[in-house]
Protein backbone atom coordinates (compact mmCIF):
# COMPACT_ATOMS: atom_id res chain seq x y z
CA MET A 1 15.69 4.28 1.92
CA GLN A 2 16.62 1.78 4.65
CA GLY A 3 18.32 2.06 7.86
CA ASN A 4 21.83 2.77 8.51
CA SER A 5 22.60 -0.97 9.36
CA LYS A 6 20.99 -4.08 9.43
CA ASN A 7 19.85 -3.72 13.15
CA THR A 8 18.17 -0.63 12.55
CA THR A 9 15.36 0.91 10.12
CA HIS A 10 13.87 3.93 9.91
CA PHE A 11 9.91 4.47 11.52
CA GLY A 12 9.10 7.98 10.12
CA PHE A 13 12.66 10.35 11.25
CA GLN A 14 13.44 8.19 13.85
CA GLU A 15 15.80 5.49 14.00
CA ILE A 16 14.76 2.25 15.68
CA PRO A 17 16.20 -1.33 16.18
CA THR A 18 14.61 -3.44 13.07
CA ALA A 19 13.25 -5.64 15.50
CA GLU A 20 10.83 -2.99 17.35
CA LYS A 21 9.57 -1.53 13.21
CA ALA A 22 6.36 -4.11 12.92
CA ARG A 23 4.79 -3.56 16.25
CA ARG A 24 5.42 0.31 15.88
CA VAL A 25 3.52 0.76 12.76
CA GLY A 26 0.70 -1.77 13.91
CA GLN A 27 0.18 0.20 16.93
CA VAL A 28 -0.29 3.14 14.31
CA PHE A 29 -2.78 1.17 12.36
CA THR A 30 -4.90 0.04 15.42
CA SER A 31 -5.21 3.39 16.15
CA VAL A 32 -6.47 4.80 13.34
CA ALA A 33 -8.33 2.18 11.96
CA GLY A 34 -11.72 3.37 13.48
CA ARG A 35 -11.23 6.47 11.26
CA TYR A 36 -8.97 5.50 8.77
CA ASP A 37 -11.15 5.78 5.66
CA LEU A 38 -12.99 9.17 6.91
CA MET A 39 -9.15 10.28 7.14
CA ASN A 40 -8.40 9.82 3.84
CA ASP A 41 -10.66 11.80 2.09
CA LEU A 42 -10.32 14.30 4.32
CA MET A 43 -6.53 14.17 3.78
CA SER A 44 -6.69 13.97 -0.06
CA PHE A 45 -9.88 15.87 0.03
CA GLY A 46 -11.48 12.71 -1.99
CA ILE A 47 -8.47 12.07 -4.34
CA HIS A 48 -7.44 8.86 -3.44
CA ARG A 49 -10.53 7.62 -5.04
CA LEU A 50 -9.17 8.17 -8.56
CA TRP A 51 -5.64 7.14 -7.26
CA LYS A 52 -7.23 3.59 -6.91
CA GLY A 53 -9.56 3.85 -9.85
CA PHE A 54 -6.38 4.46 -11.98
CA ALA A 55 -4.84 1.27 -10.37
CA LEU A 56 -7.39 -0.91 -11.00
CA SER A 57 -7.68 0.50 -14.63
CA GLN A 58 -4.08 -1.32 -14.95
CA THR A 59 -4.73 -4.29 -13.42
CA GLY A 60 -5.00 -6.11 -16.90
CA LEU A 61 -7.77 -9.09 -15.08
CA LYS A 62 -10.42 -10.78 -17.05
CA ALA A 63 -13.48 -13.04 -15.08
CA GLY A 64 -12.43 -16.11 -13.15
CA GLN A 65 -8.72 -14.86 -12.34
CA SER A 66 -7.14 -14.50 -9.35
CA ALA A 67 -5.60 -11.01 -7.56
CA LEU A 68 -3.85 -10.43 -3.76
CA ASP A 69 -4.30 -7.41 -2.71
CA VAL A 70 -1.64 -6.57 -0.14
CA ALA A 71 -1.70 -4.61 2.92
CA GLY A 72 -5.10 -4.13 1.92
CA GLY A 73 -6.71 -2.14 4.50
CA THR A 74 -10.34 -1.47 4.45
CA GLY A 75 -10.56 -2.95 1.40
CA ASP A 76 -11.16 -0.16 -1.53
CA ILE A 77 -8.84 -1.85 -4.38
CA ALA A 78 -9.73 -4.91 -3.03
CA LYS A 79 -13.83 -4.20 -3.89
CA GLY A 80 -12.45 -3.71 -7.18
CA LEU A 81 -10.36 -6.57 -7.85
CA ALA A 82 -13.28 -8.41 -6.79
CA ARG A 83 -15.96 -6.82 -9.59
CA GLN A 84 -13.07 -7.09 -12.28
CA VAL A 85 -12.35 -11.03 -11.53
CA GLY A 86 -16.42 -11.30 -11.24
CA LYS A 87 -18.02 -14.69 -9.27
CA THR A 88 -15.98 -17.06 -10.71
CA GLY A 89 -12.81 -15.32 -9.77
CA ARG A 90 -10.75 -15.13 -6.81
CA VAL A 91 -9.41 -12.27 -4.58
CA VAL A 92 -7.38 -11.97 -1.31
CA LEU A 93 -7.43 -9.13 1.19
CA ALA A 94 -4.41 -9.51 3.09
CA ASP A 95 -3.14 -7.38 5.84
CA ILE A 96 -0.84 -7.80 8.67
CA ASN A 97 -2.95 -5.49 10.99
CA ALA A 98 -6.21 -7.35 12.28
CA ASP A 99 -8.03 -4.33 12.71
CA MET A 100 -7.34 -2.70 8.92
CA LEU A 101 -8.49 -6.40 8.20
CA GLU A 102 -11.71 -6.46 10.45
CA ASN A 103 -12.97 -2.99 9.08
CA GLY A 104 -12.15 -4.00 5.55
CA ARG A 105 -14.49 -7.19 5.43
CA HIS A 106 -17.23 -4.98 7.23
CA ARG A 107 -16.56 -2.45 4.65
CA LEU A 108 -16.87 -5.28 1.70
CA VAL A 109 -19.74 -7.02 3.30
CA ASP A 110 -22.04 -4.32 3.52
CA ALA A 111 -20.90 -3.46 0.31
CA GLY A 112 -22.54 -6.53 -1.19
CA ILE A 113 -18.62 -8.21 -2.20
CA ALA A 114 -18.94 -11.02 -0.86
CA GLY A 115 -18.38 -14.95 -2.18
CA ASN A 116 -15.49 -14.24 -3.90
CA VAL A 117 -13.27 -12.45 -1.65
CA GLU A 118 -10.95 -14.22 1.32
CA TYR A 119 -9.30 -11.76 4.19
CA LEU A 120 -6.05 -13.12 5.69
CA GLN A 121 -3.92 -11.86 7.83
CA ALA A 122 -0.26 -11.80 6.80
CA ASP A 123 2.75 -10.38 6.28
CA ALA A 124 3.98 -8.57 3.22
CA GLU A 125 7.66 -10.19 3.54
CA ASN A 126 6.22 -13.79 3.86
CA LEU A 127 3.43 -14.22 1.98
CA PRO A 128 1.60 -17.49 3.17
CA PHE A 129 0.80 -18.89 -0.64
CA PRO A 130 2.02 -21.43 -3.06
CA GLY A 131 4.43 -20.07 -5.31
CA GLN A 132 2.74 -18.73 -8.43
CA SER A 133 -0.41 -18.39 -7.09
CA PHE A 134 -1.90 -15.02 -8.42
CA ASP A 135 -2.68 -12.78 -11.85
CA CYS A 136 -2.35 -9.66 -9.91
CA ILE A 137 -0.65 -8.47 -7.11
CA THR A 138 -1.57 -4.87 -5.77
CA ILE A 139 -0.28 -3.08 -2.95
CA GLY A 140 -1.65 0.58 -2.17
CA PHE A 141 0.00 2.60 0.26
CA GLY A 142 1.49 0.01 2.18
CA LEU A 143 4.55 -0.69 1.29
CA ARG A 144 6.26 2.16 3.23
CA ASN A 145 5.19 0.56 6.24
CA VAL A 146 7.08 -2.73 5.57
CA THR A 147 10.48 -3.27 7.38
CA HIS A 148 12.61 -5.14 4.47
CA LYS A 149 11.00 -3.95 1.52
CA GLU A 150 13.14 -6.02 -1.18
CA ALA A 151 11.69 -9.45 1.10
CA ALA A 152 8.20 -8.09 0.44
CA LEU A 153 8.82 -7.40 -3.29
CA ALA A 154 10.53 -10.84 -3.64
CA SER A 155 7.87 -12.07 -1.79
CA MET A 156 5.28 -10.89 -3.91
CA TYR A 157 7.26 -12.10 -6.96
CA ARG A 158 7.48 -15.69 -5.87
CA VAL A 159 3.53 -15.93 -5.46
CA LEU A 160 3.02 -14.53 -8.91
CA LYS A 161 1.97 -15.97 -11.91
CA PRO A 162 4.63 -15.84 -15.37
CA GLY A 163 2.57 -13.06 -16.96
CA GLY A 164 0.67 -11.58 -14.07
CA ARG A 165 1.65 -8.08 -12.79
CA LEU A 166 2.59 -6.34 -9.66
CA LEU A 167 1.32 -2.56 -9.29
CA ILE A 168 2.44 -0.22 -6.18
CA LEU A 169 0.77 2.29 -5.50
CA GLU A 170 2.43 4.49 -2.94
CA PHE A 171 3.11 8.33 -2.06
CA SER A 172 6.11 9.08 -3.68
CA ARG A 173 8.28 12.17 -4.55
CA PRO A 174 6.48 15.94 -6.33
CA THR A 175 8.10 16.60 -9.14
CA PRO A 176 6.86 20.11 -10.55
CA PRO A 177 8.73 23.16 -8.93
CA GLY A 178 7.40 24.56 -6.47
CA LEU A 179 5.18 21.91 -5.29
CA LYS A 180 7.58 20.14 -2.43
CA PRO A 181 7.32 23.51 -0.30
CA LEU A 182 3.57 23.47 -0.62
CA TYR A 183 3.31 19.97 -0.03
CA ASP A 184 5.88 19.73 3.07
CA PHE A 185 3.43 22.56 4.89
CA TYR A 186 0.87 20.19 4.23
CA SER A 187 2.34 17.32 5.32
CA PHE A 188 3.46 18.78 8.86
CA GLN A 189 1.50 21.32 9.58
CA VAL A 190 -1.46 20.97 7.97
CA LEU A 191 -1.78 16.83 8.72
CA PRO A 192 -0.88 16.10 12.22
CA ARG A 193 -3.61 18.40 13.36
CA LEU A 194 -6.08 16.87 11.64
CA GLY A 195 -5.68 13.86 12.42
CA ARG A 196 -5.72 15.13 16.29
CA LEU A 197 -9.09 16.57 15.62
CA VAL A 198 -10.38 13.40 13.86
CA ALA A 199 -8.74 10.82 15.02
CA GLY A 200 -7.69 12.16 18.36
CA ASP A 201 -4.55 11.25 17.01
CA GLU A 202 -1.65 13.60 15.70
CA ALA A 203 1.76 11.74 16.44
CA SER A 204 0.27 8.66 14.15
CA TYR A 205 -0.35 11.07 11.56
CA ARG A 206 2.93 12.71 11.88
CA TYR A 207 4.56 9.32 11.22
CA LEU A 208 2.43 8.95 8.31
CA ALA A 209 4.19 12.28 6.78
CA GLU A 210 7.27 11.52 7.85
CA SER A 211 7.22 7.69 6.57
CA ILE A 212 6.88 9.14 3.42
CA ARG A 213 9.69 11.92 3.28
CA VAL A 214 11.99 8.03 3.88
CA HIS A 215 10.25 6.26 1.21
CA PRO A 216 11.99 5.40 -1.87
CA ASP A 217 11.54 7.54 -4.96
CA GLN A 218 10.36 6.60 -7.96
CA GLU A 219 13.40 5.75 -9.90
CA THR A 220 15.10 3.89 -6.61
CA LEU A 221 11.39 1.53 -6.46
CA LYS A 222 11.95 0.88 -10.20
CA SER A 223 15.24 -0.57 -9.32
CA MET A 224 14.03 -2.25 -6.20
CA MET A 225 11.70 -3.95 -8.84
CA GLN A 226 13.60 -4.91 -11.34
CA ALA A 227 16.36 -6.42 -8.79
CA ALA A 228 13.41 -8.60 -7.17
CA GLY A 229 13.08 -9.82 -10.73
CA PHE A 230 9.95 -7.87 -12.18
CA GLU A 231 10.73 -7.01 -15.73
CA ARG A 232 8.92 -4.08 -18.11
CA CYS A 233 9.16 -1.98 -14.72
CA SER A 234 7.52 1.51 -15.17
CA TYR A 235 5.59 3.87 -13.23
CA PHE A 236 3.00 6.73 -13.36
CA ASN A 237 3.50 10.42 -11.66
CA LEU A 238 0.19 10.52 -10.41
CA SER A 239 -1.04 14.64 -8.89
CA GLY A 240 2.88 15.59 -9.40
CA GLY A 241 4.14 12.35 -8.17
CA ILE A 242 2.57 13.58 -4.78
CA VAL A 243 1.42 9.71 -5.51
CA ALA A 244 3.19 6.82 -8.04
CA LEU A 245 1.93 3.98 -9.62
CA HIS A 246 4.89 1.51 -10.03
CA ARG A 247 4.12 -1.57 -12.07
CA GLY A 248 6.07 -4.16 -12.60
CA TYR A 249 5.47 -8.21 -14.52
CA ARG A 250 6.68 -11.65 -14.23
CA LEU A 251 7.65 -12.83 -17.02
């Protein structure tokens, strides 16, 4: 779901000028960067590691290949990509937020990942790479924060090699009957309080919960990928559709 006109867009449940969104999202992630990984563990009861592990199982990467992790945050997915492509491969961890990117660099260095990972502050809507540069592109829990999602999908398509695949790991719509009310209660009552207690920031975690609700559902995102040129698009519902992994190829 986008804004009601080309001049406005969603920031959570708020309607704001499109030009303001990148700055507002940047403030959120600068605020939460220091406690981002701890909060991920607490919010998901550690299950986010399984979601990311499943995404990594779908990359199809081989030693010596290249991968781009867009909106890569603190590097969980990039770390797995680096191990898959090996020392002769190349991984770029890209994020628009300098604080998140710096945290990712420190975490990967501490984990012994060095030599085959590059770090770049970059906008998903305008990736600064030559066309057909990467065998696989991943974006985990980042697409919903992008102002112009269609532009980001087109940019990722452009830099993907023929035969390469895009993997989008993102919160989505619960599918089992009865799960949505429980999920809503957790998202809007528990999560902001957890953010206040652990990260000292209730507002940012309220935004994160709201941003999930205005993000395109599974079928809509699949259609957006197809419109951007991706083929053989499909998705896997994880944890009852709370999260979905979308997959598409450039053929």
